[in-house]
Amino acid sequence: MIIWSKPRIVIMFILTLVFAWAGIETVIAGQKGGWPLVLFATALAIIFIVSLSTAPPRTEVLRTQITQYPKPITLTGRRGRGLFLALASSMIALVYLFGLLSSPALLGSVVLYTVLVVVFGAPALILAAATIKPNRLIIDAEGLTLKNIFQTRRWEWRDIQDFRAISAVTYGKRIIKVKDIIGFDDRNAEKTARADRQKKRIGASTSFPNHFGLSDDELAYALNAWRLQAISDGDRYLPPP
C-alpha cells in the first residue's frame, strides 16, 4: 500500500468534503444525482482512513509467538480492513451503476459505465471473499506457507533469507514510499524479466502483503528469528561429514 504524502492527504481530504457537501446539498434540494455523490464521498473517506491506518505494536504477542517454536503458529489476515475496502469499492461500483441506468442510450456511455462497474465491482467481490476466507501465514519448523483465496505458496527456510520491511518502491527515478509489504530473497525464484524488475524495484526477489495485524518491522523480525532457530536446529541434527 502506498504511503500518502502530506499534500495528497490534504487534497484527498478536501475532495471528500467537496463531494460530501455537494451530495448532501443535492439530496436536500431533491435533485437527481445526490445519493451517488454521497456514496462516492463515503467511499473516498473509507479508503482515506484505511490507507492511513497502521497496525498497533504487538510486541508481547510477538514474543509469545516466537517462544512457541517449534510449535506452528498461524497469522490470519485482518477481516475488518478487507471488509471496509470491499464496501468502498462496491460503493464506487454503485455510483457507476446508477450512471449506467440513467445514462442516455449512447453506446459509448453504456460501454464506459459498464467497464467502470466491472473495474470496481470485481475487486469488491474479491475483497468480500477475502474477508470470509482471509489470508493465512503459517510458520513452522520447516518453512513458511502463505494461503489466500487464489493459491497456496510454500517456502523452505533453507531456500529463503533476509526478511525485511519494504518501505519504498523504485520506478525509474521515482521513489514511492509504501507499507504493508514484506520482502525476502528466494533462491528458487524464477529468473524472469518480471522477477528482475521486482528485484530492482524493492530490492528483494519475492514479497507478500502484510495484512496480519503486526507492523512490517515486527513481522520481518519474527520471521527472521524463526528462520535462524529452524536453520540452527536443522544443522544440529545433520549427520557428520
Protein backbone atom coordinates (compact mmCIF):
# COMPACT_ATOMS: atom_id res chain seq x y z
CA MET A 1 0.00 0.00 0.00
CA ILE A 2 1.30 3.45 -0.93
CA ILE A 3 2.06 5.89 1.89
CA TRP A 4 0.39 9.19 1.16
CA SER A 5 2.37 12.41 1.20
CA LYS A 6 1.01 15.35 3.19
CA PRO A 7 -0.09 17.32 0.07
CA ARG A 8 -2.03 14.29 -1.20
CA ILE A 9 -3.63 13.81 2.21
CA VAL A 10 -4.81 17.43 2.16
CA ILE A 11 -6.13 17.10 -1.43
CA MET A 12 -7.95 13.85 -0.60
CA PHE A 13 -9.50 15.41 2.49
CA ILE A 14 -10.71 18.45 0.55
CA LEU A 15 -12.13 16.30 -2.28
CA THR A 16 -14.00 14.13 0.21
CA LEU A 17 -15.54 17.21 1.84
CA VAL A 18 -16.46 18.71 -1.53
CA PHE A 19 -18.20 15.56 -2.78
CA ALA A 20 -19.95 15.05 0.56
CA TRP A 21 -21.20 18.65 0.69
CA ALA A 22 -22.31 18.61 -2.95
CA GLY A 23 -24.12 15.31 -2.43
CA ILE A 24 -25.91 16.44 0.72
CA GLU A 25 -26.92 19.73 -0.88
CA THR A 26 -28.27 17.90 -3.92
CA VAL A 27 -30.23 15.41 -1.79
CA ILE A 28 -31.72 18.22 0.32
CA ALA A 29 -32.69 20.11 -2.84
CA GLY A 30 -34.38 16.96 -4.16
CA GLN A 31 -32.30 16.96 -7.30
CA LYS A 32 -31.08 13.95 -9.21
CA GLY A 33 -27.59 12.57 -8.55
CA GLY A 34 -27.28 13.43 -4.86
CA TRP A 35 -27.02 9.90 -3.49
CA PRO A 36 -24.28 8.81 -5.92
CA LEU A 37 -22.22 11.80 -4.77
CA VAL A 38 -22.78 10.87 -1.13
CA LEU A 39 -21.79 7.25 -1.85
CA PHE A 40 -18.66 8.40 -3.69
CA ALA A 41 -17.67 10.71 -0.82
CA THR A 42 -18.22 7.91 1.71
CA ALA A 43 -16.08 5.54 -0.36
CA LEU A 44 -13.28 8.14 -0.53
CA ALA A 45 -13.47 8.60 3.24
CA ILE A 46 -13.22 4.84 3.86
CA ILE A 47 -10.23 4.45 1.53
CA PHE A 48 -8.63 7.52 3.10
CA ILE A 49 -8.99 6.19 6.66
CA VAL A 50 -7.89 2.63 5.83
CA SER A 51 -4.83 3.81 3.91
CA LEU A 52 -3.70 5.99 6.83
CA SER A 53 -4.26 3.32 9.47
CA THR A 54 -1.29 1.31 10.75
CA ALA A 55 -1.10 -1.85 12.80
CA PRO A 56 -0.54 -1.09 16.50
CA PRO A 57 2.59 -2.57 18.13
CA ARG A 58 2.03 -6.08 19.49
CA THR A 59 5.46 -6.73 20.98
CA GLU A 60 4.29 -9.00 23.80
CA VAL A 61 2.11 -11.07 21.47
CA LEU A 62 5.03 -11.34 19.07
CA ARG A 63 7.42 -12.56 21.78
CA THR A 64 4.90 -15.17 22.87
CA GLN A 65 4.56 -16.42 19.31
CA ILE A 66 8.33 -16.65 18.82
CA THR A 67 8.76 -18.62 22.04
CA GLN A 68 6.23 -21.18 20.77
CA TYR A 69 8.87 -22.55 18.40
CA PRO A 70 8.80 -25.25 17.02
CA LYS A 71 5.03 -25.40 17.50
CA PRO A 72 3.43 -23.99 14.30
CA ILE A 73 1.63 -20.67 14.51
CA THR A 74 -0.90 -19.21 12.09
CA LEU A 75 -1.32 -15.50 11.44
CA THR A 76 -4.70 -14.57 9.96
CA GLY A 77 -5.39 -11.51 7.81
CA ARG A 78 -7.41 -8.66 9.27
CA ARG A 79 -11.02 -9.09 8.24
CA GLY A 80 -12.05 -5.54 9.10
CA ARG A 81 -9.61 -3.98 6.66
CA GLY A 82 -10.79 -6.13 3.76
CA LEU A 83 -14.43 -5.55 4.65
CA PHE A 84 -14.07 -1.75 4.63
CA LEU A 85 -12.20 -1.77 1.32
CA ALA A 86 -14.81 -4.11 -0.19
CA LEU A 87 -17.50 -1.72 0.99
CA ALA A 88 -15.70 1.28 -0.54
CA SER A 89 -15.15 -0.49 -3.86
CA SER A 90 -18.81 -1.61 -4.01
CA MET A 91 -19.96 1.96 -3.31
CA ILE A 92 -17.95 3.28 -6.26
CA ALA A 93 -19.31 0.46 -8.42
CA LEU A 94 -22.84 1.50 -7.40
CA VAL A 95 -22.12 5.09 -8.40
CA TYR A 96 -21.27 3.97 -11.93
CA LEU A 97 -24.20 1.53 -11.92
CA PHE A 98 -26.51 4.50 -11.26
CA GLY A 99 -24.79 6.27 -14.15
CA LEU A 100 -25.33 3.24 -16.38
CA LEU A 101 -29.01 3.02 -15.53
CA SER A 102 -29.60 6.74 -16.02
CA SER A 103 -27.23 7.36 -18.95
CA PRO A 104 -28.55 8.25 -22.38
CA ALA A 105 -28.87 5.41 -24.86
CA LEU A 106 -25.45 6.02 -26.38
CA LEU A 107 -23.17 3.06 -26.97
CA GLY A 108 -20.12 4.95 -25.70
CA SER A 109 -21.76 5.85 -22.39
CA VAL A 110 -23.10 2.33 -21.87
CA VAL A 111 -19.71 0.74 -22.59
CA LEU A 112 -17.85 3.21 -20.35
CA TYR A 113 -20.17 2.79 -17.36
CA THR A 114 -20.25 -1.00 -17.81
CA VAL A 115 -16.44 -1.16 -17.77
CA LEU A 116 -16.26 1.04 -14.66
CA VAL A 117 -18.86 -1.08 -12.86
CA VAL A 118 -16.79 -4.19 -13.60
CA VAL A 119 -13.48 -2.48 -12.69
CA PHE A 120 -14.75 -1.53 -9.23
CA GLY A 121 -17.22 -4.36 -8.73
CA ALA A 122 -14.74 -7.21 -9.28
CA PRO A 123 -12.34 -6.03 -6.52
CA ALA A 124 -15.34 -5.63 -4.20
CA LEU A 125 -16.25 -9.28 -4.73
CA ILE A 126 -12.64 -10.43 -4.30
CA LEU A 127 -12.21 -8.40 -1.10
CA ALA A 128 -15.50 -9.70 0.23
CA ALA A 129 -14.34 -13.27 -0.43
CA ALA A 130 -11.03 -12.48 1.29
CA THR A 131 -12.99 -11.22 4.30
CA ILE A 132 -14.82 -14.54 4.52
CA LYS A 133 -11.61 -16.52 3.93
CA PRO A 134 -8.73 -14.18 4.85
CA ASN A 135 -5.07 -14.72 4.02
CA ARG A 136 -3.19 -17.03 6.36
CA LEU A 137 0.53 -17.15 7.08
CA ILE A 138 1.60 -20.46 8.64
CA ILE A 139 5.03 -20.56 10.27
CA ASP A 140 6.53 -23.91 11.30
CA ALA A 141 9.91 -25.54 11.90
CA GLU A 142 10.39 -26.46 8.23
CA GLY A 143 9.24 -23.33 6.46
CA LEU A 144 6.64 -20.75 5.64
CA THR A 145 3.24 -21.18 3.96
CA LEU A 146 1.10 -18.35 2.57
CA LYS A 147 -2.53 -19.14 1.72
CA ASN A 148 -5.06 -16.88 0.03
CA ILE A 149 -8.26 -17.38 -1.93
CA PHE A 150 -6.32 -17.97 -5.16
CA GLN A 151 -3.31 -20.08 -4.24
CA THR A 152 -1.04 -21.62 -1.63
CA ARG A 153 2.69 -20.88 -1.66
CA ARG A 154 5.32 -22.73 0.34
CA TRP A 155 8.95 -21.85 1.07
CA GLU A 156 11.53 -23.88 2.99
CA TRP A 157 13.70 -21.98 5.43
CA ARG A 158 16.93 -23.11 3.73
CA ASP A 159 15.80 -21.59 0.42
CA ILE A 160 14.99 -18.11 1.75
CA GLN A 161 16.64 -15.44 3.85
CA ASP A 162 16.73 -11.81 4.91
CA PHE A 163 13.11 -10.89 5.63
CA ARG A 164 12.69 -7.12 5.66
CA ALA A 165 10.02 -4.47 5.67
CA ILE A 166 9.76 -2.85 2.24
CA SER A 167 9.49 0.89 2.76
CA ALA A 168 9.93 2.14 -0.81
CA VAL A 169 9.46 1.05 -4.42
CA THR A 170 11.65 2.44 -7.20
CA TYR A 171 10.17 3.22 -10.62
CA GLY A 172 12.95 4.64 -12.75
CA LYS A 173 13.95 7.82 -10.97
CA ARG A 174 10.81 7.89 -8.81
CA ILE A 175 10.86 6.55 -5.27
CA ILE A 176 7.43 5.80 -3.81
CA LYS A 177 7.04 5.16 -0.10
CA VAL A 178 4.99 2.06 0.70
CA LYS A 179 3.95 -0.09 3.64
CA ASP A 180 2.35 -3.49 4.35
CA ILE A 181 4.91 -5.35 2.21
CA ILE A 182 7.41 -7.97 3.40
CA GLY A 183 10.26 -8.84 1.05
CA PHE A 184 12.85 -11.62 1.15
CA ASP A 185 15.35 -13.40 -1.08
CA ASP A 186 14.29 -16.76 -2.52
CA ARG A 187 16.97 -18.74 -4.31
CA ASN A 188 14.29 -20.76 -6.10
CA ALA A 189 12.56 -17.69 -7.53
CA GLU A 190 12.09 -17.90 -11.29
CA LYS A 191 14.61 -15.97 -13.37
CA THR A 192 12.22 -13.89 -15.46
CA ALA A 193 12.13 -10.30 -16.67
CA ARG A 194 9.30 -9.63 -14.21
CA ALA A 195 11.34 -11.03 -11.32
CA ASP A 196 14.31 -8.87 -12.34
CA ARG A 197 12.09 -5.77 -12.36
CA GLN A 198 10.78 -6.61 -8.90
CA LYS A 199 14.32 -7.11 -7.61
CA LYS A 200 15.27 -3.66 -8.87
CA ARG A 201 12.11 -2.01 -7.55
CA ILE A 202 12.02 -3.40 -4.00
CA GLY A 203 15.44 -4.97 -3.53
CA ALA A 204 14.03 -8.48 -2.95
CA SER A 205 13.24 -11.37 -5.27
CA THR A 206 9.94 -12.24 -3.54
CA SER A 207 7.35 -10.37 -1.48
CA PHE A 208 3.92 -10.75 0.04
CA PRO A 209 1.40 -8.31 1.57
CA ASN A 210 1.36 -7.90 5.32
CA HIS A 211 -2.29 -7.85 6.42
CA PHE A 212 -1.74 -9.83 9.60
CA GLY A 213 -2.10 -7.25 12.36
CA LEU A 214 1.64 -6.86 13.02
CA SER A 215 3.77 -3.96 11.91
CA ASP A 216 6.11 -4.66 8.99
CA ASP A 217 9.22 -4.46 11.19
CA GLU A 218 7.69 -6.78 13.79
CA LEU A 219 6.69 -9.41 11.25
CA ALA A 220 10.07 -9.31 9.50
CA TYR A 221 11.81 -9.68 12.87
CA ALA A 222 9.63 -12.65 13.84
CA LEU A 223 10.22 -14.43 10.53
CA ASN A 224 13.99 -13.91 10.73
CA ALA A 225 14.01 -15.21 14.33
CA TRP A 226 12.06 -18.32 13.37
CA ARG A 227 14.29 -18.98 10.37
CA LEU A 228 17.51 -18.67 12.38
CA GLN A 229 16.18 -21.04 15.03
CA ALA A 230 15.00 -23.54 12.42
CA ILE A 231 18.29 -23.45 10.50
CA SER A 232 20.24 -23.84 13.75
CA ASP A 233 18.19 -26.87 14.80
CA GLY A 234 18.49 -28.39 11.34
CA ASP A 235 22.29 -28.08 11.39
CA ARG A 236 22.38 -29.64 14.85
CA TYR A 237 20.76 -32.85 13.64
CA LEU A 238 22.68 -33.24 10.38
CA PRO A 239 24.96 -36.29 10.24
CA PRO A 240 28.70 -35.52 10.50
CA PRO A 241 30.53 -35.27 7.15
